Amino acid sequence: MHKITLWFRWLIFAAVLLLMLIVSVEFIASNKELLSVSFLGYQAPEGSLSSYLLLAFVIGGALGVFSASLVVSRLWMSNKSLNRKLVRRQTELKNLHESVIKGMD
C-alpha cells in the first residue's frame, strides 16, 4: 500500500511539473513584446516581459527552497543534539536507579 501511495504522489508531482512547463512555454510564446528593465542604474538587456516574470518566479522559488533548507538543517542539527542529550540523561537515570537499588540491598 505504501509503495502505491508513494508512486501515486510521484506521478502527481510529475504531472504538475509537466503542466507548469507547458503553461510557461505557452506564456512565453504568447507574450513576445520586448521591454528593457532598469533598476538602480543597471540597464538589463531587452527581453520579453514573460521571460523576466518567469525568471523572477524561478529565482524566488530557488531562494525559497534554499531558505527552507537552512531552517530544516538547523532543526535537524538541533534534533540530533537533543537526542544525544536524551541518551546521556537516560544513561544517568539508569545509573542512579541501579545505585539506589544496590543501596537498598
C-alpha atoms as a PDB file:
ATOM      1  CA  MET A   1       0.000   0.000   0.000  1.00  0.00           C
ATOM      2  CA  HIS A   2       2.828   2.394   0.886  1.00  0.00           C
ATOM      3  CA  LYS A   3       4.594   1.832  -2.449  1.00  0.00           C
ATOM      4  CA  ILE A   4       1.387   2.570  -4.353  1.00  0.00           C
ATOM      5  CA  THR A   5       0.852   5.809  -2.427  1.00  0.00           C
ATOM      6  CA  LEU A   6       4.458   6.860  -2.997  1.00  0.00           C
ATOM      7  CA  TRP A   7       4.204   6.047  -6.702  1.00  0.00           C
ATOM      8  CA  PHE A   8       0.915   7.968  -6.962  1.00  0.00           C
ATOM      9  CA  ARG A   9       2.434  11.031  -5.254  1.00  0.00           C
ATOM     10  CA  TRP A  10       5.388  10.913  -7.630  1.00  0.00           C
ATOM     11  CA  LEU A  11       3.020  10.656 -10.610  1.00  0.00           C
ATOM     12  CA  ILE A  12       1.003  13.671  -9.442  1.00  0.00           C
ATOM     13  CA  PHE A  13       4.206  15.661  -8.846  1.00  0.00           C
ATOM     14  CA  ALA A  14       5.471  14.840 -12.350  1.00  0.00           C
ATOM     15  CA  ALA A  15       2.095  15.755 -13.893  1.00  0.00           C
ATOM     16  CA  VAL A  16       2.001  19.112 -12.092  1.00  0.00           C
ATOM     17  CA  LEU A  17       5.601  19.824 -13.108  1.00  0.00           C
ATOM     18  CA  LEU A  18       4.827  18.979 -16.738  1.00  0.00           C
ATOM     19  CA  LEU A  19       1.710  21.163 -16.650  1.00  0.00           C
ATOM     20  CA  MET A  20       3.738  24.076 -15.258  1.00  0.00           C
ATOM     21  CA  LEU A  21       6.320  23.616 -18.008  1.00  0.00           C
ATOM     22  CA  ILE A  22       3.641  23.620 -20.713  1.00  0.00           C
ATOM     23  CA  VAL A  23       1.941  26.703 -19.266  1.00  0.00           C
ATOM     24  CA  SER A  24       5.303  28.504 -19.007  1.00  0.00           C
ATOM     25  CA  VAL A  25       6.218  27.765 -22.619  1.00  0.00           C
ATOM     26  CA  GLU A  26       2.778  28.941 -23.781  1.00  0.00           C
ATOM     27  CA  PHE A  27       3.097  32.097 -21.661  1.00  0.00           C
ATOM     28  CA  ILE A  28       6.479  32.920 -23.192  1.00  0.00           C
ATOM     29  CA  ALA A  29       5.283  32.142 -26.726  1.00  0.00           C
ATOM     30  CA  SER A  30       2.191  34.331 -26.478  1.00  0.00           C
ATOM     31  CA  ASN A  31       3.924  37.363 -24.880  1.00  0.00           C
ATOM     32  CA  LYS A  32       6.705  38.468 -27.184  1.00  0.00           C
ATOM     33  CA  GLU A  33       6.678  42.233 -26.570  1.00  0.00           C
ATOM     34  CA  LEU A  34      10.182  43.434 -25.823  1.00  0.00           C
ATOM     35  CA  LEU A  35      10.985  45.769 -22.972  1.00  0.00           C
ATOM     36  CA  SER A  36      14.021  46.983 -21.134  1.00  0.00           C
ATOM     37  CA  VAL A  37      14.264  46.924 -17.351  1.00  0.00           C
ATOM     38  CA  SER A  38      16.401  49.377 -15.401  1.00  0.00           C
ATOM     39  CA  PHE A  39      16.973  49.222 -11.663  1.00  0.00           C
ATOM     40  CA  LEU A  40      19.430  51.188  -9.524  1.00  0.00           C
ATOM     41  CA  GLY A  41      21.308  52.380 -12.567  1.00  0.00           C
ATOM     42  CA  TYR A  42      21.650  48.913 -14.066  1.00  0.00           C
ATOM     43  CA  GLN A  43      20.145  48.542 -17.525  1.00  0.00           C
ATOM     44  CA  ALA A  44      19.114  44.975 -18.357  1.00  0.00           C
ATOM     45  CA  PRO A  45      19.138  43.839 -21.985  1.00  0.00           C
ATOM     46  CA  GLU A  46      15.865  43.915 -23.864  1.00  0.00           C
ATOM     47  CA  GLY A  47      13.764  40.849 -23.333  1.00  0.00           C
ATOM     48  CA  SER A  48      10.170  39.769 -23.228  1.00  0.00           C
ATOM     49  CA  LEU A  49       8.067  40.536 -20.181  1.00  0.00           C
ATOM     50  CA  SER A  50       7.189  36.875 -19.814  1.00  0.00           C
ATOM     51  CA  SER A  51      10.865  35.896 -19.685  1.00  0.00           C
ATOM     52  CA  TYR A  52      11.538  38.410 -16.917  1.00  0.00           C
ATOM     53  CA  LEU A  53       8.476  37.257 -14.963  1.00  0.00           C
ATOM     54  CA  LEU A  54       9.403  33.583 -15.249  1.00  0.00           C
ATOM     55  CA  LEU A  55      12.996  34.361 -14.315  1.00  0.00           C
ATOM     56  CA  ALA A  56      11.766  36.177 -11.195  1.00  0.00           C
ATOM     57  CA  PHE A  57       9.476  33.229 -10.401  1.00  0.00           C
ATOM     58  CA  VAL A  58      12.311  30.696 -10.722  1.00  0.00           C
ATOM     59  CA  ILE A  59      14.739  32.809  -8.679  1.00  0.00           C
ATOM     60  CA  GLY A  60      12.092  33.304  -5.975  1.00  0.00           C
ATOM     61  CA  GLY A  61      11.373  29.583  -5.879  1.00  0.00           C
ATOM     62  CA  ALA A  62      15.068  28.747  -5.629  1.00  0.00           C
ATOM     63  CA  LEU A  63      15.560  31.264  -2.816  1.00  0.00           C
ATOM     64  CA  GLY A  64      12.533  29.812  -1.025  1.00  0.00           C
ATOM     65  CA  VAL A  65      13.891  26.277  -1.259  1.00  0.00           C
ATOM     66  CA  PHE A  66      17.324  27.469  -0.109  1.00  0.00           C
ATOM     67  CA  SER A  67      15.952  29.328   2.920  1.00  0.00           C
ATOM     68  CA  ALA A  68      13.720  26.387   3.846  1.00  0.00           C
ATOM     69  CA  SER A  69      16.685  24.021   3.618  1.00  0.00           C
ATOM     70  CA  LEU A  70      18.625  26.251   6.008  1.00  0.00           C
ATOM     71  CA  VAL A  71      15.788  26.104   8.526  1.00  0.00           C
ATOM     72  CA  VAL A  72      15.374  22.345   8.122  1.00  0.00           C
ATOM     73  CA  SER A  73      19.106  21.714   8.540  1.00  0.00           C
ATOM     74  CA  ARG A  74      19.183  23.879  11.665  1.00  0.00           C
ATOM     75  CA  LEU A  75      16.240  21.980  13.124  1.00  0.00           C
ATOM     76  CA  TRP A  76      17.833  18.648  12.166  1.00  0.00           C
ATOM     77  CA  MET A  77      21.056  19.578  13.954  1.00  0.00           C
ATOM     78  CA  SER A  78      19.089  20.713  16.995  1.00  0.00           C
ATOM     79  CA  ASN A  79      17.204  17.417  16.984  1.00  0.00           C
ATOM     80  CA  LYS A  80      20.459  15.438  16.839  1.00  0.00           C
ATOM     81  CA  SER A  81      21.837  17.446  19.764  1.00  0.00           C
ATOM     82  CA  LEU A  82      18.683  16.873  21.813  1.00  0.00           C
ATOM     83  CA  ASN A  83      18.791  13.141  21.043  1.00  0.00           C
ATOM     84  CA  ARG A  84      22.379  12.953  22.310  1.00  0.00           C
ATOM     85  CA  LYS A  85      21.365  14.792  25.494  1.00  0.00           C
ATOM     86  CA  LEU A  86      18.412  12.438  25.944  1.00  0.00           C
ATOM     87  CA  VAL A  87      20.650   9.370  25.678  1.00  0.00           C
ATOM     88  CA  ARG A  88      23.039  10.845  28.244  1.00  0.00           C
ATOM     89  CA  ARG A  89      20.169  11.666  30.618  1.00  0.00           C
ATOM     90  CA  GLN A  90      18.643   8.200  30.239  1.00  0.00           C
ATOM     91  CA  THR A  91      22.017   6.600  30.975  1.00  0.00           C
ATOM     92  CA  GLU A  92      22.442   8.836  34.013  1.00  0.00           C
ATOM     93  CA  LEU A  93      18.932   7.998  35.235  1.00  0.00           C
ATOM     94  CA  LYS A  94      19.563   4.268  34.769  1.00  0.00           C
ATOM     95  CA  ASN A  95      22.826   4.515  36.724  1.00  0.00           C
ATOM     96  CA  LEU A  96      21.110   6.414  39.539  1.00  0.00           C
ATOM     97  CA  HIS A  97      18.289   3.888  39.618  1.00  0.00           C
ATOM     98  CA  GLU A  98      20.754   0.993  39.786  1.00  0.00           C
ATOM     99  CA  SER A  99      22.721   2.693  42.603  1.00  0.00           C
ATOM    100  CA  VAL A 100      19.526   3.198  44.619  1.00  0.00           C
ATOM    101  CA  ILE A 101      18.574  -0.467  44.176  1.00  0.00           C
ATOM    102  CA  LYS A 102      22.085  -1.586  45.249  1.00  0.00           C
ATOM    103  CA  GLY A 103      21.881   0.703  48.285  1.00  0.00           C
ATOM    104  CA  MET A 104      18.617  -0.925  49.403  1.00  0.00           C
ATOM    105  CA  ASP A 105      20.079  -4.437  49.384  1.00  0.00           C
END
